[in-house]
Amino acid sequence: MSVIKFRPDEQFESLGPGSPPPAPVGELLSKISSHAFPSETVPQNRSGVWRCTPGRWRRQVKQAEFCYFVSGTCVFQPDEGKPVNISAGDAIYFPANTDGVWSIETECQKIFVIFDEA
């Protein structure tokens, strides 16, 4: 297994224009772009960078996720629980099977790790 080193700023610069989310909510359609480095031993585990423009959509990731927001503002409304206001500098942990709606207020960039907890 190899160590992966990357510069998030360079990864963000190389991202394409993005694609619509698979489960949009409302008329303002976000564009999501990301670059992930999959694990060599557990391919569904991955880390990388993610960028999203304003809009609303349902979260689709079923695994656990840890992320650090580099820029932007958004709100995550879990199906169960209170809204979570997120801005640049915040670190967030989503347990596996966390469902809810993203409301991206200003373009967001995050660094993430998605993993199976089992």
PDB file of N, CA and C in Angstrom:
ATOM      1  N   MET A   1       0.840  -1.169   0.000  1.00  0.00           N
ATOM      2  CA  MET A   1       0.000   0.000   0.000  1.00  0.00           C
ATOM      3  C   MET A   1       0.897   1.247   0.000  1.00  0.00           C
ATOM      4  N   SER A   2       0.542   2.227  -0.807  1.00  0.00           N
ATOM      5  CA  SER A   2       1.337   3.445  -0.935  1.00  0.00           C
ATOM      6  C   SER A   2       0.722   4.589  -0.139  1.00  0.00           C
ATOM      7  N   VAL A   3       1.574   5.456   0.351  1.00  0.00           N
ATOM      8  CA  VAL A   3       1.128   6.679   0.997  1.00  0.00           C
ATOM      9  C   VAL A   3       0.721   7.661  -0.096  1.00  0.00           C
ATOM     10  N   ILE A   4      -0.418   8.320   0.091  1.00  0.00           N
ATOM     11  CA  ILE A   4      -0.896   9.305  -0.880  1.00  0.00           C
ATOM     12  C   ILE A   4      -0.765  10.683  -0.250  1.00  0.00           C
ATOM     13  N   LYS A   5      -0.056  11.552  -0.933  1.00  0.00           N
ATOM     14  CA  LYS A   5       0.064  12.941  -0.501  1.00  0.00           C
ATOM     15  C   LYS A   5      -0.534  13.796  -1.606  1.00  0.00           C
ATOM     16  N   PHE A   6      -1.378  14.763  -1.217  1.00  0.00           N
ATOM     17  CA  PHE A   6      -1.919  15.672  -2.209  1.00  0.00           C
ATOM     18  C   PHE A   6      -2.114  17.055  -1.603  1.00  0.00           C
ATOM     19  N   ARG A   7      -2.125  18.052  -2.462  1.00  0.00           N
ATOM     20  CA  ARG A   7      -2.384  19.426  -2.041  1.00  0.00           C
ATOM     21  C   ARG A   7      -3.830  19.743  -2.387  1.00  0.00           C
ATOM     22  N   PRO A   8      -4.669  19.955  -1.377  1.00  0.00           N
ATOM     23  CA  PRO A   8      -6.078  20.221  -1.665  1.00  0.00           C
ATOM     24  C   PRO A   8      -6.290  21.381  -2.635  1.00  0.00           C
ATOM     25  N   ASP A   9      -5.505  22.472  -2.507  1.00  0.00           N
ATOM     26  CA  ASP A   9      -5.698  23.605  -3.408  1.00  0.00           C
ATOM     27  C   ASP A   9      -5.488  23.197  -4.866  1.00  0.00           C
ATOM     28  N   GLU A  10      -4.507  22.355  -5.132  1.00  0.00           N
ATOM     29  CA  GLU A  10      -4.262  21.886  -6.503  1.00  0.00           C
ATOM     30  C   GLU A  10      -5.389  20.962  -6.968  1.00  0.00           C
ATOM     31  N   GLN A  11      -5.900  20.127  -6.067  1.00  0.00           N
ATOM     32  CA  GLN A  11      -7.004  19.242  -6.425  1.00  0.00           C
ATOM     33  C   GLN A  11      -8.262  20.052  -6.744  1.00  0.00           C
ATOM     34  N   PHE A  12      -8.553  21.076  -5.932  1.00  0.00           N
ATOM     35  CA  PHE A  12      -9.726  21.914  -6.191  1.00  0.00           C
ATOM     36  C   PHE A  12      -9.608  22.605  -7.545  1.00  0.00           C
ATOM     37  N   GLU A  13      -8.395  23.103  -7.861  1.00  0.00           N
ATOM     38  CA  GLU A  13      -8.183  23.786  -9.143  1.00  0.00           C
ATOM     39  C   GLU A  13      -8.410  22.861 -10.329  1.00  0.00           C
ATOM     40  N   SER A  14      -8.132  21.579 -10.159  1.00  0.00           N
ATOM     41  CA  SER A  14      -8.234  20.639 -11.278  1.00  0.00           C
ATOM     42  C   SER A  14      -9.640  20.061 -11.470  1.00  0.00           C
ATOM     43  N   LEU A  15     -10.571  20.355 -10.549  1.00  0.00           N
ATOM     44  CA  LEU A  15     -11.919  19.808 -10.669  1.00  0.00           C
ATOM     45  C   LEU A  15     -12.652  20.395 -11.871  1.00  0.00           C
ATOM     46  N   GLY A  16     -13.456  19.573 -12.499  1.00  0.00           N
ATOM     47  CA  GLY A  16     -14.277  20.017 -13.617  1.00  0.00           C
ATOM     48  C   GLY A  16     -15.476  20.825 -13.133  1.00  0.00           C
ATOM     49  N   PRO A  17     -16.381  21.172 -14.069  1.00  0.00           N
ATOM     50  CA  PRO A  17     -17.532  22.005 -13.725  1.00  0.00           C
ATOM     51  C   PRO A  17     -18.570  21.319 -12.838  1.00  0.00           C
ATOM     52  N   GLY A  18     -18.553  20.020 -12.757  1.00  0.00           N
ATOM     53  CA  GLY A  18     -19.464  19.305 -11.877  1.00  0.00           C
ATOM     54  C   GLY A  18     -20.708  18.805 -12.574  1.00  0.00           C
ATOM     55  N   SER A  19     -21.452  17.998 -11.851  1.00  0.00           N
ATOM     56  CA  SER A  19     -22.687  17.380 -12.341  1.00  0.00           C
ATOM     57  C   SER A  19     -23.789  17.591 -11.316  1.00  0.00           C
ATOM     58  N   PRO A  20     -25.051  17.533 -11.746  1.00  0.00           N
ATOM     59  CA  PRO A  20     -26.155  17.674 -10.792  1.00  0.00           C
ATOM     60  C   PRO A  20     -26.170  16.517  -9.792  1.00  0.00           C
ATOM     61  N   PRO A  21     -26.685  16.763  -8.588  1.00  0.00           N
ATOM     62  CA  PRO A  21     -26.796  15.680  -7.605  1.00  0.00           C
ATOM     63  C   PRO A  21     -27.845  14.672  -8.048  1.00  0.00           C
ATOM     64  N   PRO A  22     -27.750  13.420  -7.582  1.00  0.00           N
ATOM     65  CA  PRO A  22     -28.729  12.402  -7.990  1.00  0.00           C
ATOM     66  C   PRO A  22     -30.120  12.610  -7.406  1.00  0.00           C
ATOM     67  N   ALA A  23     -30.257  13.367  -6.316  1.00  0.00           N
ATOM     68  CA  ALA A  23     -31.571  13.540  -5.688  1.00  0.00           C
ATOM     69  C   ALA A  23     -31.798  15.008  -5.322  1.00  0.00           C
ATOM     70  N   PRO A  24     -31.962  15.883  -6.348  1.00  0.00           N
ATOM     71  CA  PRO A  24     -32.162  17.309  -6.049  1.00  0.00           C
ATOM     72  C   PRO A  24     -33.488  17.565  -5.341  1.00  0.00           C
ATOM     73  N   VAL A  25     -33.527  18.665  -4.577  1.00  0.00           N
ATOM     74  CA  VAL A  25     -34.735  19.111  -3.893  1.00  0.00           C
ATOM     75  C   VAL A  25     -34.930  20.573  -4.311  1.00  0.00           C
ATOM     76  N   GLY A  26     -36.028  20.882  -4.971  1.00  0.00           N
ATOM     77  CA  GLY A  26     -36.278  22.260  -5.389  1.00  0.00           C
ATOM     78  C   GLY A  26     -35.732  22.549  -6.772  1.00  0.00           C
ATOM     79  N   GLU A  27     -35.770  23.818  -7.143  1.00  0.00           N
ATOM     80  CA  GLU A  27     -35.416  24.217  -8.510  1.00  0.00           C
ATOM     81  C   GLU A  27     -33.962  24.616  -8.688  1.00  0.00           C
ATOM     82  N   LEU A  28     -33.309  25.150  -7.648  1.00  0.00           N
ATOM     83  CA  LEU A  28     -31.906  25.538  -7.769  1.00  0.00           C
ATOM     84  C   LEU A  28     -31.058  24.280  -7.774  1.00  0.00           C
ATOM     85  N   LEU A  29     -30.416  24.006  -8.898  1.00  0.00           N
ATOM     86  CA  LEU A  29     -29.698  22.745  -9.081  1.00  0.00           C
ATOM     87  C   LEU A  29     -28.202  22.921  -8.821  1.00  0.00           C
ATOM     88  N   SER A  30     -27.714  22.280  -7.763  1.00  0.00           N
ATOM     89  CA  SER A  30     -26.283  22.300  -7.450  1.00  0.00           C
ATOM     90  C   SER A  30     -25.493  21.601  -8.544  1.00  0.00           C
ATOM     91  N   LYS A  31     -24.218  21.925  -8.611  1.00  0.00           N
ATOM     92  CA  LYS A  31     -23.253  21.188  -9.420  1.00  0.00           C
ATOM     93  C   LYS A  31     -22.198  20.668  -8.452  1.00  0.00           C
ATOM     94  N   ILE A  32     -21.974  19.356  -8.472  1.00  0.00           N
ATOM     95  CA  ILE A  32     -21.035  18.715  -7.556  1.00  0.00           C
ATOM     96  C   ILE A  32     -19.863  18.163  -8.350  1.00  0.00           C
ATOM     97  N   SER A  33     -18.658  18.445  -7.877  1.00  0.00           N
ATOM     98  CA  SER A  33     -17.468  17.844  -8.486  1.00  0.00           C
ATOM     99  C   SER A  33     -16.572  17.351  -7.356  1.00  0.00           C
ATOM    100  N   SER A  34     -15.871  16.262  -7.617  1.00  0.00           N
ATOM    101  CA  SER A  34     -14.984  15.718  -6.591  1.00  0.00           C
ATOM    102  C   SER A  34     -13.870  14.905  -7.240  1.00  0.00           C
ATOM    103  N   HIS A  35     -12.853  14.695  -6.455  1.00  0.00           N
ATOM    104  CA  HIS A  35     -11.761  13.788  -6.841  1.00  0.00           C
ATOM    105  C   HIS A  35     -11.471  12.938  -5.618  1.00  0.00           C
ATOM    106  N   ALA A  36     -11.533  11.621  -5.788  1.00  0.00           N
ATOM    107  CA  ALA A  36     -11.340  10.713  -4.663  1.00  0.00           C
ATOM    108  C   ALA A  36     -10.175   9.770  -4.921  1.00  0.00           C
ATOM    109  N   PHE A  37      -9.503   9.413  -3.851  1.00  0.00           N
ATOM    110  CA  PHE A  37      -8.450   8.412  -3.866  1.00  0.00           C
ATOM    111  C   PHE A  37      -8.995   7.173  -3.164  1.00  0.00           C
ATOM    112  N   PRO A  38      -9.345   6.115  -3.896  1.00  0.00           N
ATOM    113  CA  PRO A  38      -9.894   4.916  -3.247  1.00  0.00           C
ATOM    114  C   PRO A  38      -8.803   4.148  -2.499  1.00  0.00           C
ATOM    115  N   SER A  39      -9.228   3.458  -1.471  1.00  0.00           N
ATOM    116  CA  SER A  39      -8.337   2.577  -0.729  1.00  0.00           C
ATOM    117  C   SER A  39      -7.945   1.396  -1.616  1.00  0.00           C
ATOM    118  N   GLU A  40      -6.705   0.970  -1.522  1.00  0.00           N
ATOM    119  CA  GLU A  40      -6.261  -0.191  -2.302  1.00  0.00           C
ATOM    120  C   GLU A  40      -6.869  -1.487  -1.778  1.00  0.00           C
ATOM    121  N   THR A  41      -7.151  -1.550  -0.475  1.00  0.00           N
ATOM    122  CA  THR A  41      -7.642  -2.793   0.113  1.00  0.00           C
ATOM    123  C   THR A  41      -9.160  -2.821   0.287  1.00  0.00           C
ATOM    124  N   VAL A  42      -9.787  -1.656   0.461  1.00  0.00           N
ATOM    125  CA  VAL A  42     -11.244  -1.571   0.613  1.00  0.00           C
ATOM    126  C   VAL A  42     -11.722  -0.449  -0.314  1.00  0.00           C
ATOM    127  N   PRO A  43     -12.008  -0.765  -1.585  1.00  0.00           N
ATOM    128  CA  PRO A  43     -12.277   0.269  -2.594  1.00  0.00           C
ATOM    129  C   PRO A  43     -13.422   1.226  -2.257  1.00  0.00           C
ATOM    130  N   GLN A  44     -14.404   0.801  -1.461  1.00  0.00           N
ATOM    131  CA  GLN A  44     -15.489   1.717  -1.126  1.00  0.00           C
ATOM    132  C   GLN A  44     -15.053   2.789  -0.122  1.00  0.00           C
ATOM    133  N   ASN A  45     -13.909   2.575   0.544  1.00  0.00           N
ATOM    134  CA  ASN A  45     -13.324   3.601   1.404  1.00  0.00           C
ATOM    135  C   ASN A  45     -12.517   4.537   0.520  1.00  0.00           C
ATOM    136  N   ARG A  46     -12.682   5.850   0.736  1.00  0.00           N
ATOM    137  CA  ARG A  46     -11.976   6.790  -0.126  1.00  0.00           C
ATOM    138  C   ARG A  46     -11.801   8.121   0.586  1.00  0.00           C
ATOM    139  N   SER A  47     -10.844   8.884   0.103  1.00  0.00           N
ATOM    140  CA  SER A  47     -10.612  10.230   0.614  1.00  0.00           C
ATOM    141  C   SER A  47     -10.390  11.143  -0.578  1.00  0.00           C
ATOM    142  N   GLY A  48     -10.587  12.431  -0.364  1.00  0.00           N
ATOM    143  CA  GLY A  48     -10.388  13.356  -1.471  1.00  0.00           C
ATOM    144  C   GLY A  48     -10.961  14.725  -1.193  1.00  0.00           C
ATOM    145  N   VAL A  49     -11.274  15.425  -2.302  1.00  0.00           N
ATOM    146  CA  VAL A  49     -11.828  16.770  -2.221  1.00  0.00           C
ATOM    147  C   VAL A  49     -13.175  16.813  -2.928  1.00  0.00           C
ATOM    148  N   TRP A  50     -14.012  17.775  -2.536  1.00  0.00           N
ATOM    149  CA  TRP A  50     -15.386  17.883  -3.030  1.00  0.00           C
ATOM    150  C   TRP A  50     -15.743  19.358  -3.101  1.00  0.00           C
ATOM    151  N   ARG A  51     -16.440  19.733  -4.178  1.00  0.00           N
ATOM    152  CA  ARG A  51     -16.912  21.107  -4.324  1.00  0.00           C
ATOM    153  C   ARG A  51     -18.376  21.070  -4.753  1.00  0.00           C
ATOM    154  N   CYS A  52     -19.185  22.015  -4.230  1.00  0.00           N
ATOM    155  CA  CYS A  52     -20.607  22.055  -4.574  1.00  0.00           C
ATOM    156  C   CYS A  52     -21.077  23.497  -4.650  1.00  0.00           C
ATOM    157  N   THR A  53     -21.856  23.801  -5.691  1.00  0.00           N
ATOM    158  CA  THR A  53     -22.457  25.122  -5.852  1.00  0.00           C
ATOM    159  C   THR A  53     -23.800  25.159  -5.111  1.00  0.00           C
ATOM    160  N   PRO A  54     -24.380  26.349  -4.926  1.00  0.00           N
ATOM    161  CA  PRO A  54     -25.642  26.462  -4.190  1.00  0.00           C
ATOM    162  C   PRO A  54     -26.771  25.603  -4.768  1.00  0.00           C
ATOM    163  N   GLY A  55     -27.609  25.109  -3.858  1.00  0.00           N
ATOM    164  CA  GLY A  55     -28.764  24.285  -4.199  1.00  0.00           C
ATOM    165  C   GLY A  55     -29.112  23.372  -3.033  1.00  0.00           C
ATOM    166  N   ARG A  56     -30.146  22.549  -3.240  1.00  0.00           N
ATOM    167  CA  ARG A  56     -30.578  21.613  -2.197  1.00  0.00           C
ATOM    168  C   ARG A  56     -30.696  20.219  -2.788  1.00  0.00           C
ATOM    169  N   TRP A  57     -30.325  19.203  -1.990  1.00  0.00           N
ATOM    170  CA  TRP A  57     -30.398  17.814  -2.444  1.00  0.00           C
ATOM    171  C   TRP A  57     -30.238  16.868  -1.269  1.00  0.00           C
ATOM    172  N   ARG A  58     -30.716  15.652  -1.479  1.00  0.00           N
ATOM    173  CA  ARG A  58     -30.622  14.616  -0.436  1.00  0.00           C
ATOM    174  C   ARG A  58     -29.238  13.969  -0.450  1.00  0.00           C
ATOM    175  N   ARG A  59     -28.706  13.781   0.738  1.00  0.00           N
ATOM    176  CA  ARG A  59     -27.416  13.103   0.899  1.00  0.00           C
ATOM    177  C   ARG A  59     -27.560  11.646   0.462  1.00  0.00           C
ATOM    178  N   GLN A  60     -26.587  11.158  -0.320  1.00  0.00           N
ATOM    179  CA  GLN A  60     -26.633   9.810  -0.868  1.00  0.00           C
ATOM    180  C   GLN A  60     -25.606   8.857  -0.253  1.00  0.00           C
ATOM    181  N   VAL A  61     -24.619   9.372   0.453  1.00  0.00           N
ATOM    182  CA  VAL A  61     -23.547   8.545   1.020  1.00  0.00           C
ATOM    183  C   VAL A  61     -24.104   7.734   2.193  1.00  0.00           C
ATOM    184  N   LYS A  62     -23.908   6.430   2.159  1.00  0.00           N
ATOM    185  CA  LYS A  62     -24.405   5.560   3.232  1.00  0.00           C
ATOM    186  C   LYS A  62     -23.324   5.188   4.242  1.00  0.00           C
ATOM    187  N   GLN A  63     -22.055   5.319   3.861  1.00  0.00           N
ATOM    188  CA  GLN A  63     -20.964   5.009   4.779  1.00  0.00           C
ATOM    189  C   GLN A  63     -20.749   6.169   5.751  1.00  0.00           C
ATOM    190  N   ALA A  64     -19.922   5.953   6.738  1.00  0.00           N
ATOM    191  CA  ALA A  64     -19.517   7.022   7.648  1.00  0.00           C
ATOM    192  C   ALA A  64     -18.635   8.001   6.873  1.00  0.00           C
ATOM    193  N   GLU A  65     -18.659   9.254   7.310  1.00  0.00           N
ATOM    194  CA  GLU A  65     -17.841  10.276   6.639  1.00  0.00           C
ATOM    195  C   GLU A  65     -17.321  11.264   7.664  1.00  0.00           C
ATOM    196  N   PHE A  66     -16.039  11.596   7.536  1.00  0.00           N
ATOM    197  CA  PHE A  66     -15.438  12.705   8.257  1.00  0.00           C
ATOM    198  C   PHE A  66     -15.028  13.718   7.206  1.00  0.00           C
ATOM    199  N   CYS A  67     -15.352  14.996   7.434  1.00  0.00           N
ATOM    200  CA  CYS A  67     -14.943  16.007   6.467  1.00  0.00           C
ATOM    201  C   CYS A  67     -14.575  17.311   7.162  1.00  0.00           C
ATOM    202  N   TYR A  68     -13.771  18.093   6.456  1.00  0.00           N
ATOM    203  CA  TYR A  68     -13.332  19.405   6.918  1.00  0.00           C
ATOM    204  C   TYR A  68     -13.689  20.407   5.830  1.00  0.00           C
ATOM    205  N   PHE A  69     -14.480  21.427   6.182  1.00  0.00           N
ATOM    206  CA  PHE A  69     -14.905  22.426   5.206  1.00  0.00           C
ATOM    207  C   PHE A  69     -13.848  23.513   5.077  1.00  0.00           C
ATOM    208  N   VAL A  70     -13.341  23.654   3.869  1.00  0.00           N
ATOM    209  CA  VAL A  70     -12.302  24.623   3.560  1.00  0.00           C
ATOM    210  C   VAL A  70     -12.924  25.986   3.264  1.00  0.00           C
ATOM    211  N   SER A  71     -14.095  25.985   2.617  1.00  0.00           N
ATOM    212  CA  SER A  71     -14.750  27.242   2.279  1.00  0.00           C
ATOM    213  C   SER A  71     -16.254  27.028   2.164  1.00  0.00           C
ATOM    214  N   GLY A  72     -17.001  28.152   2.214  1.00  0.00           N
ATOM    215  CA  GLY A  72     -18.427  28.127   1.975  1.00  0.00           C
ATOM    216  C   GLY A  72     -19.270  28.027   3.227  1.00  0.00           C
ATOM    217  N   THR A  73     -20.599  28.084   2.997  1.00  0.00           N
ATOM    218  CA  THR A  73     -21.578  27.937   4.062  1.00  0.00           C
ATOM    219  C   THR A  73     -22.711  27.046   3.569  1.00  0.00           C
ATOM    220  N   CYS A  74     -23.221  26.225   4.483  1.00  0.00           N
ATOM    221  CA  CYS A  74     -24.324  25.332   4.145  1.00  0.00           C
ATOM    222  C   CYS A  74     -25.011  24.882   5.428  1.00  0.00           C
ATOM    223  N   VAL A  75     -26.135  24.206   5.243  1.00  0.00           N
ATOM    224  CA  VAL A  75     -26.872  23.625   6.370  1.00  0.00           C
ATOM    225  C   VAL A  75     -27.171  22.182   6.001  1.00  0.00           C
ATOM    226  N   PHE A  76     -26.931  21.271   6.939  1.00  0.00           N
ATOM    227  CA  PHE A  76     -27.355  19.891   6.749  1.00  0.00           C
ATOM    228  C   PHE A  76     -28.510  19.640   7.707  1.00  0.00           C
ATOM    229  N   GLN A  77     -29.650  19.243   7.132  1.00  0.00           N
ATOM    230  CA  GLN A  77     -30.836  18.937   7.942  1.00  0.00           C
ATOM    231  C   GLN A  77     -31.001  17.420   7.983  1.00  0.00           C
ATOM    232  N   PRO A  78     -30.553  16.773   9.079  1.00  0.00           N
ATOM    233  CA  PRO A  78     -30.733  15.318   9.161  1.00  0.00           C
ATOM    234  C   PRO A  78     -32.212  14.972   9.239  1.00  0.00           C
ATOM    235  N   ASP A  79     -32.570  13.803   8.721  1.00  0.00           N
ATOM    236  CA  ASP A  79     -33.963  13.358   8.816  1.00  0.00           C
ATOM    237  C   ASP A  79     -34.395  13.259  10.270  1.00  0.00           C
ATOM    238  N   GLU A  80     -33.465  12.960  11.145  1.00  0.00           N
ATOM    239  CA  GLU A  80     -33.740  12.909  12.577  1.00  0.00           C
ATOM    240  C   GLU A  80     -32.755  13.820  13.283  1.00  0.00           C
ATOM    241  N   GLY A  81     -33.242  14.891  13.859  1.00  0.00           N
ATOM    242  CA  GLY A  81     -32.357  15.799  14.576  1.00  0.00           C
ATOM    243  C   GLY A  81     -32.477  17.230  14.087  1.00  0.00           C
ATOM    244  N   LYS A  82     -31.691  18.080  14.716  1.00  0.00           N
ATOM    245  CA  LYS A  82     -31.711  19.514  14.422  1.00  0.00           C
ATOM    246  C   LYS A  82     -30.777  19.839  13.259  1.00  0.00           C
ATOM    247  N   PRO A  83     -31.042  20.951  12.550  1.00  0.00           N
ATOM    248  CA  PRO A  83     -30.156  21.372  11.464  1.00  0.00           C
ATOM    249  C   PRO A  83     -28.747  21.649  11.980  1.00  0.00           C
ATOM    250  N   VAL A  84     -27.771  21.370  11.128  1.00  0.00           N
ATOM    251  CA  VAL A  84     -26.369  21.614  11.449  1.00  0.00           C
ATOM    252  C   VAL A  84     -25.870  22.703  10.509  1.00  0.00           C
ATOM    253  N   ASN A  85     -25.568  23.889  11.056  1.00  0.00           N
ATOM    254  CA  ASN A  85     -25.005  24.987  10.267  1.00  0.00           C
ATOM    255  C   ASN A  85     -23.507  24.762  10.131  1.00  0.00           C
ATOM    256  N   ILE A  86     -23.019  24.844   8.897  1.00  0.00           N
ATOM    257  CA  ILE A  86     -21.622  24.520   8.611  1.00  0.00           C
ATOM    258  C   ILE A  86     -20.998  25.691   7.857  1.00  0.00           C
ATOM    259  N   SER A  87     -19.775  26.035   8.236  1.00  0.00           N
ATOM    260  CA  SER A  87     -19.025  27.062   7.512  1.00  0.00           C
ATOM    261  C   SER A  87     -17.549  26.685   7.486  1.00  0.00           C
ATOM    262  N   ALA A  88     -16.789  27.448   6.704  1.00  0.00           N
ATOM    263  CA  ALA A  88     -15.357  27.188   6.555  1.00  0.00           C
ATOM    264  C   ALA A  88     -14.700  27.038   7.919  1.00  0.00           C
ATOM    265  N   GLY A  89     -13.878  26.004   8.048  1.00  0.00           N
ATOM    266  CA  GLY A  89     -13.179  25.728   9.305  1.00  0.00           C
ATOM    267  C   GLY A  89     -13.850  24.680  10.166  1.00  0.00           C
ATOM    268  N   ASP A  90     -15.078  24.286   9.810  1.00  0.00           N
ATOM    269  CA  ASP A  90     -15.793  23.270  10.590  1.00  0.00           C
ATOM    270  C   ASP A  90     -15.399  21.861  10.160  1.00  0.00           C
ATOM    271  N   ALA A  91     -15.259  20.976  11.129  1.00  0.00           N
ATOM    272  CA  ALA A  91     -15.042  19.548  10.878  1.00  0.00           C
ATOM    273  C   ALA A  91     -16.335  18.838  11.278  1.00  0.00           C
ATOM    274  N   ILE A  92     -16.778  17.902  10.444  1.00  0.00           N
ATOM    275  CA  ILE A  92     -18.059  17.231  10.637  1.00  0.00           C
ATOM    276  C   ILE A  92     -17.856  15.721  10.543  1.00  0.00           C
ATOM    277  N   TYR A  93     -18.557  14.978  11.387  1.00  0.00           N
ATOM    278  CA  TYR A  93     -18.580  13.517  11.313  1.00  0.00           C
ATOM    279  C   TYR A  93     -20.022  13.088  11.083  1.00  0.00           C
ATOM    280  N   PHE A  94     -20.251  12.307  10.035  1.00  0.00           N
ATOM    281  CA  PHE A  94     -21.552  11.718   9.754  1.00  0.00           C
ATOM    282  C   PHE A  94     -21.465  10.223  10.047  1.00  0.00           C
ATOM    283  N   PRO A  95     -22.218   9.709  11.008  1.00  0.00           N
ATOM    284  CA  PRO A  95     -22.249   8.259  11.203  1.00  0.00           C
ATOM    285  C   PRO A  95     -22.814   7.572   9.952  1.00  0.00           C
ATOM    286  N   ALA A  96     -22.539   6.299   9.809  1.00  0.00           N
ATOM    287  CA  ALA A  96     -23.096   5.534   8.688  1.00  0.00           C
ATOM    288  C   ALA A  96     -24.615   5.692   8.661  1.00  0.00           C
ATOM    289  N   ASN A  97     -25.164   5.712   7.460  1.00  0.00           N
ATOM    290  CA  ASN A  97     -26.619   5.801   7.225  1.00  0.00           C
ATOM    291  C   ASN A  97     -27.242   7.109   7.695  1.00  0.00           C
ATOM    292  N   THR A  98     -26.462   8.194   7.723  1.00  0.00           N
ATOM    293  CA  THR A  98     -27.021   9.501   8.044  1.00  0.00           C
ATOM    294  C   THR A  98     -27.733  10.031   6.802  1.00  0.00           C
ATOM    295  N   ASP A  99     -29.046  10.168   6.897  1.00  0.00           N
ATOM    296  CA  ASP A  99     -29.852  10.690   5.797  1.00  0.00           C
ATOM    297  C   ASP A  99     -30.300  12.100   6.126  1.00  0.00           C
ATOM    298  N   GLY A 100     -30.509  12.897   5.073  1.00  0.00           N
ATOM    299  CA  GLY A 100     -30.984  14.250   5.270  1.00  0.00           C
ATOM    300  C   GLY A 100     -30.816  15.064   4.007  1.00  0.00           C
ATOM    301  N   VAL A 101     -31.016  16.371   4.148  1.00  0.00           N
ATOM    302  CA  VAL A 101     -30.971  17.281   3.001  1.00  0.00           C
ATOM    303  C   VAL A 101     -29.863  18.308   3.204  1.00  0.00           C
ATOM    304  N   TRP A 102     -29.031  18.451   2.172  1.00  0.00           N
ATOM    305  CA  TRP A 102     -28.022  19.499   2.104  1.00  0.00           C
ATOM    306  C   TRP A 102     -28.674  20.753   1.544  1.00  0.00           C
ATOM    307  N   SER A 103     -28.423  21.894   2.163  1.00  0.00           N
ATOM    308  CA  SER A 103     -28.778  23.201   1.611  1.00  0.00           C
ATOM    309  C   SER A 103     -27.484  23.987   1.498  1.00  0.00           C
ATOM    310  N   ILE A 104     -26.963  24.059   0.285  1.00  0.00           N
ATOM    311  CA  ILE A 104     -25.697  24.748   0.045  1.00  0.00           C
ATOM    312  C   ILE A 104     -26.014  26.216  -0.208  1.00  0.00           C
ATOM    313  N   GLU A 105     -25.542  27.090   0.670  1.00  0.00           N
ATOM    314  CA  GLU A 105     -25.857  28.523   0.574  1.00  0.00           C
ATOM    315  C   GLU A 105     -24.849  29.271  -0.283  1.00  0.00           C
ATOM    316  N   THR A 106     -23.560  29.014  -0.073  1.00  0.00           N
ATOM    317  CA  THR A 106     -22.500  29.564  -0.923  1.00  0.00           C
ATOM    318  C   THR A 106     -21.611  28.394  -1.319  1.00  0.00           C
ATOM    319  N   GLU A 107     -20.939  28.514  -2.441  1.00  0.00           N
ATOM    320  CA  GLU A 107     -20.112  27.397  -2.913  1.00  0.00           C
ATOM    321  C   GLU A 107     -19.235  26.865  -1.790  1.00  0.00           C
ATOM    322  N   CYS A 108     -19.272  25.559  -1.609  1.00  0.00           N
ATOM    323  CA  CYS A 108     -18.522  24.888  -0.539  1.00  0.00           C
ATOM    324  C   CYS A 108     -17.423  24.006  -1.121  1.00  0.00           C
ATOM    325  N   GLN A 109     -16.334  23.928  -0.377  1.00  0.00           N
ATOM    326  CA  GLN A 109     -15.259  22.991  -0.672  1.00  0.00           C
ATOM    327  C   GLN A 109     -14.941  22.255   0.616  1.00  0.00           C
ATOM    328  N   LYS A 110     -14.767  20.932   0.499  1.00  0.00           N
ATOM    329  CA  LYS A 110     -14.412  20.151   1.682  1.00  0.00           C
ATOM    330  C   LYS A 110     -13.384  19.091   1.314  1.00  0.00           C
ATOM    331  N   ILE A 111     -12.671  18.656   2.328  1.00  0.00           N
ATOM    332  CA  ILE A 111     -11.761  17.517   2.251  1.00  0.00           C
ATOM    333  C   ILE A 111     -12.470  16.407   3.021  1.00  0.00           C
ATOM    334  N   PHE A 112     -12.533  15.201   2.459  1.00  0.00           N
ATOM    335  CA  PHE A 112     -13.337  14.150   3.085  1.00  0.00           C
ATOM    336  C   PHE A 112     -12.622  12.818   3.164  1.00  0.00           C
ATOM    337  N   VAL A 113     -13.113  11.994   4.094  1.00  0.00           N
ATOM    338  CA  VAL A 113     -12.758  10.579   4.190  1.00  0.00           C
ATOM    339  C   VAL A 113     -14.069   9.836   4.390  1.00  0.00           C
ATOM    340  N   ILE A 114     -14.370   8.899   3.496  1.00  0.00           N
ATOM    341  CA  ILE A 114     -15.579   8.067   3.571  1.00  0.00           C
ATOM    342  C   ILE A 114     -15.122   6.646   3.850  1.00  0.00           C
ATOM    343  N   PHE A 115     -15.750   6.003   4.835  1.00  0.00           N
ATOM    344  CA  PHE A 115     -15.257   4.691   5.244  1.00  0.00           C
ATOM    345  C   PHE A 115     -16.361   3.831   5.848  1.00  0.00           C
ATOM    346  N   ASP A 116     -16.174   2.531   5.760  1.00  0.00           N
ATOM    347  CA  ASP A 116     -17.050   1.578   6.439  1.00  0.00           C
ATOM    348  C   ASP A 116     -16.563   1.448   7.876  1.00  0.00           C
ATOM    349  N   GLU A 117     -17.483   1.490   8.809  1.00  0.00           N
ATOM    350  CA  GLU A 117     -17.117   1.396  10.223  1.00  0.00           C
ATOM    351  C   GLU A 117     -16.994  -0.050  10.685  1.00  0.00           C
ATOM    352  N   ALA A 118     -17.483  -0.991   9.926  1.00  0.00           N
ATOM    353  CA  ALA A 118     -17.440  -2.401  10.335  1.00  0.00           C
ATOM    354  C   ALA A 118     -16.048  -2.973  10.159  1.00  0.00           C
TER     355      ALA A 118
END
